[in-house]
Amino acid sequence: MATAEQRLTELALELPPAPKPAGVYKPVVQIGNMVYVSGHGPLKSDKTLITGKVGQDLTQEEGYQAARQTGLAILASLREYLGSLDRVSRTIKTLGMVNCPADFGQHPAVINGFSELMRDVFGDDGVGARSAVGMGSLPGNISVEIEVIFEIKD
């Protein structure tokens, strides 16, 4: 079975630069064999962000792609912190937040962009517990913000 780093290559996935904190926090905090990844947005390789409300400015599919891009930004932060994504044992818990109008109800379908990426990179161990919720706004009008907890190998 391929490692996470090998899957990145096989899937031709390009990680953006690991985002720098936009406030007073750490992107990744480790306690024992758990890493807590702070909320990340849909950072692209050109260092721009995907913005707008899903269901208003963006389609559900564009929101899905924003969640997937957020996953790539999270993988970039993990790789920078851990040295290799092969140290990830499994996804424990994800909180996916979708910037959307009050009448939008397809939050899980949007956050699937992130969840399916984690499954593609880490296999079944990439699928964990998850919440997907709508927000009236997100920082900088980003379309998606995701935070996640991973178990890692020593």
Protein backbone atom coordinates (compact mmCIF):
# COMPACT_ATOMS: atom_id res chain seq x y z
CA MET A 1 0.00 0.00 0.00
CA ALA A 2 1.32 3.44 -0.93
CA THR A 3 2.38 5.92 1.74
CA ALA A 4 0.74 9.33 2.06
CA GLU A 5 3.73 11.01 0.42
CA GLN A 6 3.59 8.50 -2.47
CA ARG A 7 -0.16 9.13 -2.87
CA LEU A 8 0.46 12.88 -3.16
CA THR A 9 2.77 12.16 -6.09
CA GLU A 10 0.45 9.57 -7.67
CA LEU A 11 -2.50 11.97 -7.45
CA ALA A 12 -0.34 14.86 -8.79
CA LEU A 13 -1.41 17.04 -5.87
CA GLU A 14 0.33 20.39 -5.45
CA LEU A 15 0.54 21.73 -1.92
CA PRO A 16 0.47 25.49 -1.49
CA PRO A 17 3.08 27.13 0.74
CA ALA A 18 2.29 26.41 4.39
CA PRO A 19 0.23 29.39 5.55
CA LYS A 20 1.65 31.67 8.22
CA PRO A 21 -0.50 32.60 11.23
CA ALA A 22 -2.72 35.64 10.69
CA GLY A 23 -2.96 36.26 14.43
CA VAL A 24 -1.63 35.04 17.76
CA TYR A 25 -1.79 31.26 17.41
CA LYS A 26 0.19 28.28 16.16
CA PRO A 27 -0.90 26.48 12.98
CA VAL A 28 -0.20 23.09 14.58
CA VAL A 29 0.02 22.11 18.25
CA GLN A 30 1.14 18.65 19.33
CA ILE A 31 0.16 16.95 22.58
CA GLY A 32 1.50 13.43 22.84
CA ASN A 33 0.60 11.62 19.63
CA MET A 34 -2.17 14.07 18.71
CA VAL A 35 -1.79 17.15 16.51
CA TYR A 36 -4.39 19.89 16.51
CA VAL A 37 -4.46 21.90 13.31
CA SER A 38 -5.82 25.45 13.60
CA GLY A 39 -8.49 26.66 11.21
CA HIS A 40 -7.16 26.93 7.66
CA GLY A 41 -8.73 28.56 4.64
CA PRO A 42 -8.61 27.73 0.92
CA LEU A 43 -5.07 28.95 0.21
CA LYS A 44 -3.92 28.42 -3.37
CA SER A 45 -0.35 27.96 -4.57
CA ASP A 46 -0.23 31.59 -5.74
CA LYS A 47 -0.95 32.58 -2.10
CA THR A 48 -4.45 33.89 -2.89
CA LEU A 49 -7.55 32.64 -1.12
CA ILE A 50 -10.87 31.44 -2.49
CA THR A 51 -13.47 33.89 -1.19
CA GLY A 52 -17.22 34.36 -1.32
CA LYS A 53 -20.35 32.79 0.08
CA VAL A 54 -21.17 29.29 -1.12
CA GLY A 55 -24.71 29.25 -2.52
CA GLN A 56 -24.52 32.95 -3.35
CA ASP A 57 -21.14 33.91 -4.87
CA LEU A 58 -19.93 30.35 -5.43
CA THR A 59 -21.72 27.18 -6.50
CA GLN A 60 -21.83 24.11 -4.28
CA GLU A 61 -19.18 22.51 -6.55
CA GLU A 62 -16.94 25.57 -6.21
CA GLY A 63 -17.38 25.29 -2.45
CA TYR A 64 -16.38 21.63 -2.64
CA GLN A 65 -13.23 22.65 -4.52
CA ALA A 66 -12.53 25.34 -1.88
CA ALA A 67 -12.79 22.69 0.86
CA ARG A 68 -10.42 20.46 -1.10
CA GLN A 69 -7.98 23.38 -1.48
CA THR A 70 -8.25 23.98 2.27
CA GLY A 71 -7.23 20.37 2.75
CA LEU A 72 -4.14 20.93 0.63
CA ALA A 73 -3.22 23.92 2.81
CA ILE A 74 -3.67 21.77 5.93
CA LEU A 75 -1.44 19.07 4.42
CA ALA A 76 1.20 21.75 3.74
CA SER A 77 1.14 22.83 7.40
CA LEU A 78 1.27 19.21 8.57
CA ARG A 79 4.22 18.41 6.31
CA GLU A 80 6.07 21.53 7.47
CA TYR A 81 5.48 20.62 11.13
CA LEU A 82 5.98 16.84 10.93
CA GLY A 83 8.59 16.68 8.17
CA SER A 84 6.55 14.04 6.32
CA LEU A 85 2.87 13.21 5.92
CA ASP A 86 3.83 9.58 6.43
CA ARG A 87 3.86 10.34 10.17
CA VAL A 88 0.07 10.79 10.15
CA SER A 89 -1.63 7.74 11.60
CA ARG A 90 -5.25 8.80 11.11
CA THR A 91 -7.76 11.62 11.03
CA ILE A 92 -9.62 11.90 14.34
CA LYS A 93 -12.03 14.88 14.07
CA THR A 94 -12.79 17.58 11.53
CA LEU A 95 -14.79 20.77 11.93
CA GLY A 96 -15.71 22.22 8.54
CA MET A 97 -17.22 25.71 8.36
CA VAL A 98 -18.89 26.99 5.21
CA ASN A 99 -19.38 30.71 4.56
CA CYS A 100 -22.94 30.74 3.23
CA PRO A 101 -26.33 32.45 3.33
CA ALA A 102 -28.85 31.30 5.94
CA ASP A 103 -30.89 29.28 3.43
CA PHE A 104 -27.93 27.14 2.22
CA GLY A 105 -28.17 23.60 3.60
CA GLN A 106 -25.56 21.54 1.75
CA HIS A 107 -22.68 22.01 4.20
CA PRO A 108 -21.76 18.29 4.29
CA ALA A 109 -21.53 18.12 0.49
CA VAL A 110 -19.14 21.08 0.51
CA ILE A 111 -16.91 19.70 3.28
CA ASN A 112 -16.76 16.38 1.40
CA GLY A 113 -14.12 18.15 -0.72
CA PHE A 114 -11.83 18.03 2.32
CA SER A 115 -12.93 14.61 3.59
CA GLU A 116 -12.51 12.90 0.23
CA LEU A 117 -9.02 14.40 -0.12
CA MET A 118 -8.01 13.02 3.30
CA ARG A 119 -9.37 9.60 2.27
CA ASP A 120 -7.45 9.78 -1.02
CA VAL A 121 -4.19 10.66 0.73
CA PHE A 122 -4.43 8.53 3.91
CA GLY A 123 -6.80 5.74 2.83
CA ASP A 124 -9.51 4.61 5.26
CA ASP A 125 -7.45 6.10 8.11
CA GLY A 126 -8.10 9.52 6.57
CA VAL A 127 -11.81 9.26 7.41
CA GLY A 128 -12.68 10.42 10.93
CA ALA A 129 -15.51 12.01 12.87
CA ARG A 130 -16.75 15.26 11.36
CA SER A 131 -19.01 18.26 11.75
CA ALA A 132 -20.01 20.49 8.82
CA VAL A 133 -21.72 23.76 9.66
CA GLY A 134 -22.72 27.01 8.00
CA MET A 135 -21.43 30.40 9.09
CA GLY A 136 -22.78 33.86 8.31
CA SER A 137 -19.22 35.04 7.66
CA LEU A 138 -15.63 33.85 7.88
CA PRO A 139 -12.38 35.85 8.18
CA GLY A 140 -11.53 37.75 5.00
CA ASN A 141 -14.72 36.39 3.42
CA ILE A 142 -13.00 33.02 2.80
CA SER A 143 -15.49 30.46 1.54
CA VAL A 144 -14.42 27.60 3.83
CA GLU A 145 -12.48 27.19 7.07
CA ILE A 146 -11.49 23.80 8.43
CA GLU A 147 -9.78 22.67 11.63
CA VAL A 148 -8.78 19.06 12.25
CA ILE A 149 -7.20 16.72 14.78
CA PHE A 150 -4.84 13.95 13.66
CA GLU A 151 -3.18 11.06 15.47
CA ILE A 152 0.48 10.72 14.52
CA LYS A 153 3.13 8.03 14.69
CA ASP A 154 6.24 8.48 16.83
